[in-house]
């Protein structure tokens, strides 16, 4: 799962958290999944905080995981697990 809010005037308004929580709820309730994973780049503290607020947990650091703008970047493997 990946998302992007490009317009900075919409940052820090809870839109990202609302988007993440709504998508997770849809996947759990309509698609019957029990786990969602993502791999944000480790430098992206804003995104990681949003995911943590939405119930995601850091699982494992993935060194040099993603090629981005000509450089390999570290990422965090993060997951949301539906509780029983």
PDB file of N, CA and C in Angstrom:
ATOM      1  N   UNK A   1       0.853  -1.167   0.000  1.00  0.00           N
ATOM      2  CA  UNK A   1       0.000   0.000   0.000  1.00  0.00           C
ATOM      3  C   UNK A   1       0.897   1.226   0.000  1.00  0.00           C
ATOM      4  N   UNK A   2       0.576   2.200  -0.830  1.00  0.00           N
ATOM      5  CA  UNK A   2       1.353   3.422  -0.898  1.00  0.00           C
ATOM      6  C   UNK A   2       0.403   4.569  -1.219  1.00  0.00           C
ATOM      7  N   UNK A   3       0.726   5.751  -0.745  1.00  0.00           N
ATOM      8  CA  UNK A   3      -0.091   6.927  -0.984  1.00  0.00           C
ATOM      9  C   UNK A   3       0.798   8.153  -0.964  1.00  0.00           C
ATOM     10  N   UNK A   4       0.246   9.254  -1.454  1.00  0.00           N
ATOM     11  CA  UNK A   4       1.041  10.466  -1.591  1.00  0.00           C
ATOM     12  C   UNK A   4       0.130  11.678  -1.531  1.00  0.00           C
ATOM     13  N   UNK A   5       0.439  12.609  -0.637  1.00  0.00           N
ATOM     14  CA  UNK A   5      -0.256  13.899  -0.600  1.00  0.00           C
ATOM     15  C   UNK A   5       0.774  14.931  -1.027  1.00  0.00           C
ATOM     16  N   UNK A   6       0.691  15.374  -2.265  1.00  0.00           N
ATOM     17  CA  UNK A   6       1.708  16.237  -2.840  1.00  0.00           C
ATOM     18  C   UNK A   6       1.558  17.713  -2.518  1.00  0.00           C
ATOM     19  N   UNK A   7       0.370  18.150  -2.249  1.00  0.00           N
ATOM     20  CA  UNK A   7       0.134  19.568  -1.995  1.00  0.00           C
ATOM     21  C   UNK A   7       0.400  19.875  -0.521  1.00  0.00           C
ATOM     22  N   UNK A   8       1.463  20.609  -0.251  1.00  0.00           N
ATOM     23  CA  UNK A   8       1.896  20.828   1.130  1.00  0.00           C
ATOM     24  C   UNK A   8       0.852  21.535   1.996  1.00  0.00           C
ATOM     25  N   UNK A   9      -0.035  22.292   1.399  1.00  0.00           N
ATOM     26  CA  UNK A   9      -1.056  22.966   2.208  1.00  0.00           C
ATOM     27  C   UNK A   9      -2.044  21.975   2.823  1.00  0.00           C
ATOM     28  N   UNK A  10      -2.012  20.716   2.368  1.00  0.00           N
ATOM     29  CA  UNK A  10      -2.888  19.691   2.930  1.00  0.00           C
ATOM     30  C   UNK A  10      -2.168  18.789   3.931  1.00  0.00           C
ATOM     31  N   UNK A  11      -0.891  19.076   4.207  1.00  0.00           N
ATOM     32  CA  UNK A  11      -0.152  18.303   5.210  1.00  0.00           C
ATOM     33  C   UNK A  11      -0.580  18.753   6.608  1.00  0.00           C
ATOM     34  N   UNK A  12      -0.440  17.865   7.579  1.00  0.00           N
ATOM     35  CA  UNK A  12      -0.724  18.154   9.001  1.00  0.00           C
ATOM     36  C   UNK A  12      -2.188  18.517   9.253  1.00  0.00           C
ATOM     37  N   UNK A  13      -3.064  17.924   8.478  1.00  0.00           N
ATOM     38  CA  UNK A  13      -4.505  18.156   8.664  1.00  0.00           C
ATOM     39  C   UNK A  13      -5.258  16.867   8.965  1.00  0.00           C
ATOM     40  N   UNK A  14      -4.506  15.753   9.110  1.00  0.00           N
ATOM     41  CA  UNK A  14      -5.148  14.479   9.427  1.00  0.00           C
ATOM     42  C   UNK A  14      -5.651  13.726   8.208  1.00  0.00           C
ATOM     43  N   UNK A  15      -5.398  14.253   7.017  1.00  0.00           N
ATOM     44  CA  UNK A  15      -5.892  13.612   5.793  1.00  0.00           C
ATOM     45  C   UNK A  15      -5.202  12.274   5.580  1.00  0.00           C
ATOM     46  N   UNK A  16      -3.892  12.212   5.806  1.00  0.00           N
ATOM     47  CA  UNK A  16      -3.157  10.958   5.635  1.00  0.00           C
ATOM     48  C   UNK A  16      -3.656   9.884   6.577  1.00  0.00           C
ATOM     49  N   UNK A  17      -3.837  10.240   7.851  1.00  0.00           N
ATOM     50  CA  UNK A  17      -4.343   9.273   8.831  1.00  0.00           C
ATOM     51  C   UNK A  17      -5.746   8.799   8.453  1.00  0.00           C
ATOM     52  N   UNK A  18      -6.597   9.724   8.030  1.00  0.00           N
ATOM     53  CA  UNK A  18      -7.945   9.361   7.601  1.00  0.00           C
ATOM     54  C   UNK A  18      -7.897   8.421   6.399  1.00  0.00           C
ATOM     55  N   UNK A  19      -7.034   8.729   5.440  1.00  0.00           N
ATOM     56  CA  UNK A  19      -6.883   7.883   4.254  1.00  0.00           C
ATOM     57  C   UNK A  19      -6.430   6.472   4.645  1.00  0.00           C
ATOM     58  N   UNK A  20      -5.387   6.384   5.470  1.00  0.00           N
ATOM     59  CA  UNK A  20      -4.846   5.086   5.872  1.00  0.00           C
ATOM     60  C   UNK A  20      -5.887   4.288   6.651  1.00  0.00           C
ATOM     61  N   UNK A  21      -6.495   4.900   7.654  1.00  0.00           N
ATOM     62  CA  UNK A  21      -7.493   4.190   8.475  1.00  0.00           C
ATOM     63  C   UNK A  21      -8.685   3.748   7.637  1.00  0.00           C
ATOM     64  N   UNK A  22      -9.126   4.589   6.704  1.00  0.00           N
ATOM     65  CA  UNK A  22     -10.267   4.236   5.850  1.00  0.00           C
ATOM     66  C   UNK A  22      -9.928   3.077   4.918  1.00  0.00           C
ATOM     67  N   UNK A  23      -8.736   3.093   4.336  1.00  0.00           N
ATOM     68  CA  UNK A  23      -8.336   2.017   3.435  1.00  0.00           C
ATOM     69  C   UNK A  23      -8.166   0.703   4.188  1.00  0.00           C
ATOM     70  N   UNK A  24      -7.562   0.759   5.360  1.00  0.00           N
ATOM     71  CA  UNK A  24      -7.395  -0.457   6.168  1.00  0.00           C
ATOM     72  C   UNK A  24      -8.768  -1.010   6.549  1.00  0.00           C
ATOM     73  N   UNK A  25      -9.689  -0.147   6.967  1.00  0.00           N
ATOM     74  CA  UNK A  25     -11.038  -0.598   7.323  1.00  0.00           C
ATOM     75  C   UNK A  25     -11.721  -1.247   6.120  1.00  0.00           C
ATOM     76  N   UNK A  26     -11.586  -0.646   4.953  1.00  0.00           N
ATOM     77  CA  UNK A  26     -12.168  -1.219   3.733  1.00  0.00           C
ATOM     78  C   UNK A  26     -11.578  -2.602   3.446  1.00  0.00           C
ATOM     79  N   UNK A  27     -10.261  -2.705   3.511  1.00  0.00           N
ATOM     80  CA  UNK A  27      -9.613  -3.992   3.222  1.00  0.00           C
ATOM     81  C   UNK A  27     -10.034  -5.073   4.214  1.00  0.00           C
ATOM     82  N   UNK A  28     -10.161  -4.706   5.467  1.00  0.00           N
ATOM     83  CA  UNK A  28     -10.561  -5.683   6.492  1.00  0.00           C
ATOM     84  C   UNK A  28     -12.027  -6.060   6.347  1.00  0.00           C
ATOM     85  N   UNK A  29     -12.891  -5.073   6.228  1.00  0.00           N
ATOM     86  CA  UNK A  29     -14.333  -5.323   6.235  1.00  0.00           C
ATOM     87  C   UNK A  29     -14.891  -5.820   4.913  1.00  0.00           C
ATOM     88  N   UNK A  30     -14.372  -5.333   3.810  1.00  0.00           N
ATOM     89  CA  UNK A  30     -14.923  -5.699   2.498  1.00  0.00           C
ATOM     90  C   UNK A  30     -14.127  -6.784   1.787  1.00  0.00           C
ATOM     91  N   UNK A  31     -12.832  -6.778   1.969  1.00  0.00           N
ATOM     92  CA  UNK A  31     -11.974  -7.738   1.263  1.00  0.00           C
ATOM     93  C   UNK A  31     -11.506  -8.882   2.164  1.00  0.00           C
ATOM     94  N   UNK A  32     -11.849  -8.783   3.459  1.00  0.00           N
ATOM     95  CA  UNK A  32     -11.569  -9.857   4.425  1.00  0.00           C
ATOM     96  C   UNK A  32     -10.084 -10.183   4.584  1.00  0.00           C
ATOM     97  N   UNK A  33      -9.239  -9.179   4.501  1.00  0.00           N
ATOM     98  CA  UNK A  33      -7.816  -9.405   4.722  1.00  0.00           C
ATOM     99  C   UNK A  33      -7.546  -9.311   6.227  1.00  0.00           C
ATOM    100  N   UNK A  34      -6.407  -9.820   6.661  1.00  0.00           N
ATOM    101  CA  UNK A  34      -6.064  -9.673   8.077  1.00  0.00           C
ATOM    102  C   UNK A  34      -4.699  -9.018   8.290  1.00  0.00           C
ATOM    103  N   UNK A  35      -4.045  -8.636   7.182  1.00  0.00           N
ATOM    104  CA  UNK A  35      -2.739  -7.992   7.304  1.00  0.00           C
ATOM    105  C   UNK A  35      -2.508  -7.065   6.106  1.00  0.00           C
ATOM    106  N   UNK A  36      -1.937  -5.879   6.377  1.00  0.00           N
ATOM    107  CA  UNK A  36      -1.532  -4.934   5.339  1.00  0.00           C
ATOM    108  C   UNK A  36      -0.067  -4.608   5.603  1.00  0.00           C
ATOM    109  N   UNK A  37       0.753  -4.611   4.562  1.00  0.00           N
ATOM    110  CA  UNK A  37       2.173  -4.282   4.721  1.00  0.00           C
ATOM    111  C   UNK A  37       2.550  -3.124   3.803  1.00  0.00           C
ATOM    112  N   UNK A  38       3.572  -2.405   4.217  1.00  0.00           N
ATOM    113  CA  UNK A  38       4.122  -1.331   3.397  1.00  0.00           C
ATOM    114  C   UNK A  38       5.587  -1.159   3.758  1.00  0.00           C
ATOM    115  N   UNK A  39       6.312  -0.425   2.922  1.00  0.00           N
ATOM    116  CA  UNK A  39       7.748  -0.257   3.150  1.00  0.00           C
ATOM    117  C   UNK A  39       8.176   1.190   2.900  1.00  0.00           C
ATOM    118  N   UNK A  40       7.781   2.114   3.793  1.00  0.00           N
ATOM    119  CA  UNK A  40       8.186   3.508   3.609  1.00  0.00           C
ATOM    120  C   UNK A  40       9.693   3.673   3.772  1.00  0.00           C
ATOM    121  N   UNK A  41      10.232   4.658   3.069  1.00  0.00           N
ATOM    122  CA  UNK A  41      11.648   4.959   3.216  1.00  0.00           C
ATOM    123  C   UNK A  41      11.915   5.470   4.629  1.00  0.00           C
ATOM    124  N   UNK A  42      13.018   5.010   5.210  1.00  0.00           N
ATOM    125  CA  UNK A  42      13.322   5.277   6.618  1.00  0.00           C
ATOM    126  C   UNK A  42      13.446   6.770   6.937  1.00  0.00           C
ATOM    127  N   UNK A  43      13.841   7.581   5.974  1.00  0.00           N
ATOM    128  CA  UNK A  43      13.983   9.016   6.220  1.00  0.00           C
ATOM    129  C   UNK A  43      12.643   9.730   6.329  1.00  0.00           C
ATOM    130  N   UNK A  44      11.560   9.075   5.879  1.00  0.00           N
ATOM    131  CA  UNK A  44      10.256   9.723   5.798  1.00  0.00           C
ATOM    132  C   UNK A  44       9.515   9.636   7.136  1.00  0.00           C
ATOM    133  N   UNK A  45       9.987  10.428   8.099  1.00  0.00           N
ATOM    134  CA  UNK A  45       9.443  10.398   9.467  1.00  0.00           C
ATOM    135  C   UNK A  45       7.958  10.759   9.502  1.00  0.00           C
ATOM    136  N   UNK A  46       7.548  11.690   8.649  1.00  0.00           N
ATOM    137  CA  UNK A  46       6.140  12.116   8.628  1.00  0.00           C
ATOM    138  C   UNK A  46       5.236  10.945   8.256  1.00  0.00           C
ATOM    139  N   UNK A  47       5.600  10.208   7.218  1.00  0.00           N
ATOM    140  CA  UNK A  47       4.792   9.061   6.795  1.00  0.00           C
ATOM    141  C   UNK A  47       4.804   7.959   7.844  1.00  0.00           C
ATOM    142  N   UNK A  48       5.979   7.682   8.395  1.00  0.00           N
ATOM    143  CA  UNK A  48       6.088   6.613   9.394  1.00  0.00           C
ATOM    144  C   UNK A  48       5.228   6.937  10.613  1.00  0.00           C
ATOM    145  N   UNK A  49       5.241   8.172  11.052  1.00  0.00           N
ATOM    146  CA  UNK A  49       4.400   8.572  12.195  1.00  0.00           C
ATOM    147  C   UNK A  49       2.918   8.407  11.862  1.00  0.00           C
ATOM    148  N   UNK A  50       2.522   8.767  10.671  1.00  0.00           N
ATOM    149  CA  UNK A  50       1.128   8.596  10.236  1.00  0.00           C
ATOM    150  C   UNK A  50       0.735   7.121  10.279  1.00  0.00           C
ATOM    151  N   UNK A  51       1.599   6.258   9.780  1.00  0.00           N
ATOM    152  CA  UNK A  51       1.301   4.822   9.769  1.00  0.00           C
ATOM    153  C   UNK A  51       1.228   4.277  11.190  1.00  0.00           C
ATOM    154  N   UNK A  52       2.138   4.715  12.048  1.00  0.00           N
ATOM    155  CA  UNK A  52       2.103   4.252  13.439  1.00  0.00           C
ATOM    156  C   UNK A  52       0.821   4.713  14.135  1.00  0.00           C
ATOM    157  N   UNK A  53       0.401   5.950  13.883  1.00  0.00           N
ATOM    158  CA  UNK A  53      -0.858   6.447  14.456  1.00  0.00           C
ATOM    159  C   UNK A  53      -2.051   5.635  13.959  1.00  0.00           C
ATOM    160  N   UNK A  54      -1.903   5.051  12.783  1.00  0.00           N
ATOM    161  CA  UNK A  54      -2.989   4.274  12.176  1.00  0.00           C
ATOM    162  C   UNK A  54      -2.917   2.789  12.534  1.00  0.00           C
ATOM    163  N   UNK A  55      -1.994   2.417  13.420  1.00  0.00           N
ATOM    164  CA  UNK A  55      -1.943   1.046  13.902  1.00  0.00           C
ATOM    165  C   UNK A  55      -0.871   0.159  13.291  1.00  0.00           C
ATOM    166  N   UNK A  56      -0.030   0.710  12.411  1.00  0.00           N
ATOM    167  CA  UNK A  56       1.053  -0.071  11.817  1.00  0.00           C
ATOM    168  C   UNK A  56       2.225  -0.152  12.787  1.00  0.00           C
ATOM    169  N   UNK A  57       2.948  -1.255  12.727  1.00  0.00           N
ATOM    170  CA  UNK A  57       4.128  -1.481  13.557  1.00  0.00           C
ATOM    171  C   UNK A  57       5.344  -1.691  12.663  1.00  0.00           C
ATOM    172  N   UNK A  58       6.489  -1.159  13.103  1.00  0.00           N
ATOM    173  CA  UNK A  58       7.748  -1.430  12.414  1.00  0.00           C
ATOM    174  C   UNK A  58       8.121  -2.885  12.680  1.00  0.00           C
ATOM    175  N   UNK A  59       8.444  -3.617  11.627  1.00  0.00           N
ATOM    176  CA  UNK A  59       8.810  -5.021  11.746  1.00  0.00           C
ATOM    177  C   UNK A  59      10.309  -5.211  11.563  1.00  0.00           C
ATOM    178  N   UNK A  60      10.853  -4.607  10.519  1.00  0.00           N
ATOM    179  CA  UNK A  60      12.255  -4.853  10.192  1.00  0.00           C
ATOM    180  C   UNK A  60      12.787  -3.723   9.324  1.00  0.00           C
ATOM    181  N   UNK A  61      14.017  -3.293   9.597  1.00  0.00           N
ATOM    182  CA  UNK A  61      14.680  -2.327   8.733  1.00  0.00           C
ATOM    183  C   UNK A  61      15.205  -3.064   7.507  1.00  0.00           C
ATOM    184  N   UNK A  62      14.938  -2.517   6.333  1.00  0.00           N
ATOM    185  CA  UNK A  62      15.365  -3.114   5.068  1.00  0.00           C
ATOM    186  C   UNK A  62      16.448  -2.222   4.458  1.00  0.00           C
ATOM    187  N   UNK A  63      17.736  -2.522   4.723  1.00  0.00           N
ATOM    188  CA  UNK A  63      18.820  -1.667   4.222  1.00  0.00           C
ATOM    189  C   UNK A  63      18.892  -1.669   2.690  1.00  0.00           C
ATOM    190  N   UNK A  64      19.134  -0.487   2.129  1.00  0.00           N
ATOM    191  CA  UNK A  64      19.315  -0.327   0.669  1.00  0.00           C
ATOM    192  C   UNK A  64      18.212  -1.041  -0.109  1.00  0.00           C
ATOM    193  N   UNK A  65      16.990  -0.881   0.301  1.00  0.00           N
ATOM    194  CA  UNK A  65      15.857  -1.645  -0.222  1.00  0.00           C
ATOM    195  C   UNK A  65      15.263  -1.070  -1.505  1.00  0.00           C
ATOM    196  N   UNK A  66      15.229   0.251  -1.620  1.00  0.00           N
ATOM    197  CA  UNK A  66      14.517   0.865  -2.747  1.00  0.00           C
ATOM    198  C   UNK A  66      15.411   1.848  -3.492  1.00  0.00           C
ATOM    199  N   UNK A  67      15.460   1.707  -4.806  1.00  0.00           N
ATOM    200  CA  UNK A  67      16.187   2.654  -5.638  1.00  0.00           C
ATOM    201  C   UNK A  67      15.294   3.873  -5.850  1.00  0.00           C
ATOM    202  N   UNK A  68      15.749   5.019  -5.369  1.00  0.00           N
ATOM    203  CA  UNK A  68      14.959   6.246  -5.446  1.00  0.00           C
ATOM    204  C   UNK A  68      15.884   7.384  -5.854  1.00  0.00           C
ATOM    205  N   UNK A  69      15.596   7.992  -6.995  1.00  0.00           N
ATOM    206  CA  UNK A  69      16.380   9.114  -7.517  1.00  0.00           C
ATOM    207  C   UNK A  69      17.873   8.773  -7.576  1.00  0.00           C
ATOM    208  N   UNK A  70      18.166   7.559  -8.063  1.00  0.00           N
ATOM    209  CA  UNK A  70      19.548   7.150  -8.298  1.00  0.00           C
ATOM    210  C   UNK A  70      20.297   6.625  -7.094  1.00  0.00           C
ATOM    211  N   UNK A  71      19.632   6.542  -5.935  1.00  0.00           N
ATOM    212  CA  UNK A  71      20.268   6.066  -4.710  1.00  0.00           C
ATOM    213  C   UNK A  71      19.430   4.961  -4.088  1.00  0.00           C
ATOM    214  N   UNK A  72      20.109   3.965  -3.533  1.00  0.00           N
ATOM    215  CA  UNK A  72      19.380   2.946  -2.774  1.00  0.00           C
ATOM    216  C   UNK A  72      19.107   3.483  -1.382  1.00  0.00           C
ATOM    217  N   UNK A  73      17.868   3.379  -0.961  1.00  0.00           N
ATOM    218  CA  UNK A  73      17.428   3.929   0.328  1.00  0.00           C
ATOM    219  C   UNK A  73      16.979   2.811   1.264  1.00  0.00           C
ATOM    220  N   UNK A  74      17.242   3.030   2.573  1.00  0.00           N
ATOM    221  CA  UNK A  74      16.721   2.123   3.586  1.00  0.00           C
ATOM    222  C   UNK A  74      15.218   2.331   3.708  1.00  0.00           C
ATOM    223  N   UNK A  75      14.509   1.264   4.002  1.00  0.00           N
ATOM    224  CA  UNK A  75      13.065   1.320   4.213  1.00  0.00           C
ATOM    225  C   UNK A  75      12.721   0.545   5.481  1.00  0.00           C
ATOM    226  N   UNK A  76      11.564   0.821   6.008  1.00  0.00           N
ATOM    227  CA  UNK A  76      11.022   0.029   7.106  1.00  0.00           C
ATOM    228  C   UNK A  76       9.932  -0.869   6.556  1.00  0.00           C
ATOM    229  N   UNK A  77       9.999  -2.149   6.892  1.00  0.00           N
ATOM    230  CA  UNK A  77       8.868  -3.040   6.650  1.00  0.00           C
ATOM    231  C   UNK A  77       7.903  -2.794   7.796  1.00  0.00           C
ATOM    232  N   UNK A  78       6.702  -2.388   7.468  1.00  0.00           N
ATOM    233  CA  UNK A  78       5.682  -2.104   8.482  1.00  0.00           C
ATOM    234  C   UNK A  78       4.446  -2.919   8.181  1.00  0.00           C
ATOM    235  N   UNK A  79       3.740  -3.315   9.244  1.00  0.00           N
ATOM    236  CA  UNK A  79       2.525  -4.088   9.003  1.00  0.00           C
ATOM    237  C   UNK A  79       1.434  -3.701   9.976  1.00  0.00           C
ATOM    238  N   UNK A  80       0.227  -3.869   9.489  1.00  0.00           N
ATOM    239  CA  UNK A  80      -0.982  -3.736  10.289  1.00  0.00           C
ATOM    240  C   UNK A  80      -1.608  -5.121  10.316  1.00  0.00           C
ATOM    241  N   UNK A  81      -1.868  -5.625  11.506  1.00  0.00           N
ATOM    242  CA  UNK A  81      -2.531  -6.928  11.650  1.00  0.00           C
ATOM    243  C   UNK A  81      -3.870  -6.717  12.331  1.00  0.00           C
ATOM    244  N   UNK A  82      -4.885  -7.304  11.758  1.00  0.00           N
ATOM    245  CA  UNK A  82      -6.209  -7.261  12.350  1.00  0.00           C
ATOM    246  C   UNK A  82      -6.191  -8.052  13.649  1.00  0.00           C
ATOM    247  N   UNK A  83      -6.684  -7.447  14.722  1.00  0.00           N
ATOM    248  CA  UNK A  83      -6.756  -8.155  16.001  1.00  0.00           C
ATOM    249  C   UNK A  83      -8.027  -8.989  16.045  1.00  0.00           C
ATOM    250  N   UNK A  84      -7.943 -10.071  16.719  1.00  0.00           N
ATOM    251  CA  UNK A  84      -9.093 -11.002  16.780  1.00  0.00           C
ATOM    252  C   UNK A  84      -9.996 -10.677  17.925  1.00  0.00           C
TER     253      UNK A  84
END
